[in-house]
Protein backbone atom coordinates (compact mmCIF):
# COMPACT_ATOMS: atom_id res chain seq x y z
CA UNK A 1 -146.96 33.68 -23.48
CA UNK A 2 -148.42 36.87 -22.00
CA UNK A 3 -150.07 35.31 -18.95
CA UNK A 4 -148.62 34.79 -15.48
CA UNK A 5 -151.59 32.79 -14.24
CA UNK A 6 -155.09 31.76 -15.33
CA UNK A 7 -157.89 33.65 -13.55
CA UNK A 8 -160.69 31.32 -12.43
CA UNK A 9 -163.88 32.48 -10.74
CA UNK A 10 -165.85 30.26 -8.36
CA UNK A 11 -169.30 31.55 -7.44
CA UNK A 12 -171.32 29.65 -4.85
CA UNK A 13 -173.30 30.59 -1.76
CA UNK A 14 -172.04 27.53 0.12
CA UNK A 15 -168.71 28.35 1.82
CA UNK A 16 -167.77 24.65 2.01
CA UNK A 17 -168.20 24.22 -1.75
CA UNK A 18 -165.97 27.24 -2.38
CA UNK A 19 -163.34 26.02 0.08
CA UNK A 20 -163.25 22.44 -1.23
CA UNK A 21 -163.18 23.58 -4.87
CA UNK A 22 -160.40 26.06 -4.18
CA UNK A 23 -158.42 23.40 -2.32
CA UNK A 24 -158.93 20.86 -5.13
CA UNK A 25 -157.67 23.35 -7.74
CA UNK A 26 -154.83 24.76 -5.66
CA UNK A 27 -152.07 22.92 -7.50
CA UNK A 28 -153.57 22.87 -11.00
CA UNK A 29 -151.41 24.30 -13.77
CA UNK A 30 -152.12 24.80 -17.46
CA UNK A 31 -149.20 25.31 -19.83
CA UNK A 32 -147.00 25.57 -16.75
CA UNK A 33 -148.97 28.46 -15.27
CA UNK A 34 -150.92 28.29 -11.99
CA UNK A 35 -154.53 29.27 -11.48
CA UNK A 36 -155.44 32.48 -9.69
CA UNK A 37 -158.69 31.56 -7.99
CA UNK A 38 -161.24 34.23 -7.12
CA UNK A 39 -164.37 33.45 -5.13
CA UNK A 40 -167.73 35.11 -4.70
CA UNK A 41 -170.61 34.03 -2.48
CA UNK A 42 -173.37 35.54 -4.63
CA UNK A 43 -174.24 36.96 -8.02
CA UNK A 44 -173.94 40.45 -6.54
CA UNK A 45 -170.46 39.70 -5.11
CA UNK A 46 -169.31 38.33 -8.48
CA UNK A 47 -170.60 41.37 -10.37
CA UNK A 48 -168.90 43.65 -7.85
CA UNK A 49 -165.62 41.73 -8.29
CA UNK A 50 -165.82 41.98 -12.09
CA UNK A 51 -166.71 45.68 -11.98
CA UNK A 52 -164.05 46.57 -9.40
CA UNK A 53 -161.20 44.52 -10.86
CA UNK A 54 -160.74 45.29 -14.56
CA UNK A 55 -157.78 42.92 -14.83
CA UNK A 56 -159.90 39.99 -13.72
CA UNK A 57 -162.84 41.06 -15.86
CA UNK A 58 -160.65 41.33 -18.97
CA UNK A 59 -158.68 38.11 -18.52
CA UNK A 60 -161.10 35.74 -16.78
CA UNK A 61 -160.42 32.34 -18.33
CA UNK A 62 -162.93 30.12 -16.52
CA UNK A 63 -165.98 30.61 -14.30
CA UNK A 64 -167.87 27.99 -12.31
CA UNK A 65 -171.31 29.34 -11.37
CA UNK A 66 -173.80 27.85 -8.95
CA UNK A 67 -177.39 28.32 -10.12
CA UNK A 68 -179.34 28.81 -6.89
CA UNK A 69 -177.98 31.63 -4.73
CA UNK A 70 -179.90 34.87 -4.02
CA UNK A 71 -182.74 33.40 -6.05
CA UNK A 72 -183.46 30.25 -8.05
CA UNK A 73 -181.70 31.55 -11.18
CA UNK A 74 -178.99 33.88 -9.83
CA UNK A 75 -176.18 31.91 -11.49
CA UNK A 76 -177.97 31.95 -14.83
CA UNK A 77 -178.52 35.69 -14.45
CA UNK A 78 -174.79 36.05 -13.74
CA UNK A 79 -174.03 34.06 -16.89
CA UNK A 80 -176.27 36.41 -18.86
CA UNK A 81 -174.52 39.41 -17.27
CA UNK A 82 -171.07 38.12 -18.25
CA UNK A 83 -172.07 37.25 -21.80
CA UNK A 84 -174.44 40.08 -22.66
CA UNK A 85 -173.94 43.04 -20.31
CA UNK A 86 -170.14 42.90 -20.41
CA UNK A 87 -169.94 41.42 -23.92
CA UNK A 88 -167.56 38.68 -22.77
CA UNK A 89 -167.83 35.78 -25.21
CA UNK A 90 -164.42 34.27 -24.38
CA UNK A 91 -164.60 33.24 -20.72
CA UNK A 92 -165.46 29.57 -20.43
CA UNK A 93 -168.55 29.32 -18.20
CA UNK A 94 -169.63 26.16 -16.43
CA UNK A 95 -172.87 25.86 -14.54
CA UNK A 96 -172.81 23.58 -11.54
CA UNK A 97 -175.80 23.03 -9.36
CA UNK A 98 -176.93 21.11 -6.34
CA UNK A 99 -180.54 21.36 -7.49
CA UNK A 100 -180.68 20.28 -11.14
CA UNK A 101 -184.48 20.18 -11.08
CA UNK A 102 -184.60 23.99 -10.78
CA UNK A 103 -182.42 24.45 -13.87
CA UNK A 104 -182.73 21.40 -16.13
CA UNK A 105 -179.58 20.78 -18.17
CA UNK A 106 -181.14 20.89 -21.64
CA UNK A 107 -183.04 24.08 -20.87
CA UNK A 108 -179.89 25.76 -19.56
CA UNK A 109 -177.74 24.59 -22.49
CA UNK A 110 -180.40 25.77 -24.97
CA UNK A 111 -180.94 29.19 -23.37
CA UNK A 112 -177.53 30.25 -22.07
CA UNK A 113 -174.15 30.55 -23.74
CA UNK A 114 -172.34 28.11 -21.46
CA UNK A 115 -169.52 25.66 -22.01
CA UNK A 116 -170.73 22.95 -19.67
CA UNK A 117 -173.20 21.88 -17.01
CA UNK A 118 -172.76 19.47 -14.13
CA UNK A 119 -174.09 18.73 -10.67
CA UNK A 120 -172.09 19.40 -7.53
CA UNK A 121 -171.99 15.66 -6.89
CA UNK A 122 -170.09 15.26 -10.18
CA UNK A 123 -167.53 17.91 -9.20
CA UNK A 124 -164.66 15.60 -8.29
CA UNK A 125 -161.08 16.83 -8.34
CA UNK A 126 -160.45 14.90 -11.56
CA UNK A 127 -163.56 16.41 -13.20
CA UNK A 128 -162.50 19.92 -12.20
CA UNK A 129 -158.99 19.22 -13.49
CA UNK A 130 -160.16 18.12 -16.92
CA UNK A 131 -162.65 20.99 -17.17
CA UNK A 132 -160.07 23.62 -16.22
CA UNK A 133 -157.42 22.24 -18.59
CA UNK A 134 -159.78 22.02 -21.57
CA UNK A 135 -161.43 25.35 -20.72
CA UNK A 136 -158.15 27.27 -20.68
CA UNK A 137 -157.22 25.72 -24.02
CA UNK A 138 -160.59 26.79 -25.45
CA UNK A 139 -160.26 30.23 -23.87
CA UNK A 140 -156.95 30.73 -25.69
CA UNK A 141 -158.35 29.45 -28.99
CA UNK A 142 -161.42 31.68 -28.74
CA UNK A 143 -159.34 34.70 -27.86
CA UNK A 144 -157.00 34.11 -30.80
CA UNK A 145 -159.94 33.65 -33.18
CA UNK A 146 -161.61 36.87 -32.02
CA UNK A 147 -158.33 38.78 -32.27
CA UNK A 148 -157.82 37.49 -35.81
CA UNK A 149 -161.31 38.53 -36.86
CA UNK A 150 -160.77 41.97 -35.31
CA UNK A 151 -157.44 42.34 -37.10
CA UNK A 152 -158.94 41.35 -40.44
CA UNK A 153 -161.85 43.73 -39.96
CA UNK A 154 -159.43 46.57 -39.30
CA UNK A 155 -157.43 45.83 -42.44
């Protein structure tokens, strides 16, 4: 395999949520490789991280985005930025929110290219584990599929 670790981005304006999530995922491994966890406290911080660190931007496997940060839809705007402004269709994006009434699940699933939605209350260590494991698997499958299509187009 070409990877040394799996880049995971946690974006949340609550420092405790970032710390607990990072701690919960500290010993996770997928295909024998550890996670490299990056954190950002806002949409702006996440965009800065992605713009300043090309390696992370190009290989980001999984992102967990809070919805309400600088504004009521900052996480959704970040999702749109990742998918549409950067053209990244491979990173597995999960929306997690402490205020589901501001971003109802069906509306978010219908309007944003995400891989999952859950509330912060649901974010147990076991839930994060299963999401990360399945997301990295899907990330690899999506990347292989896109590479195959690109190869065939070039032939």
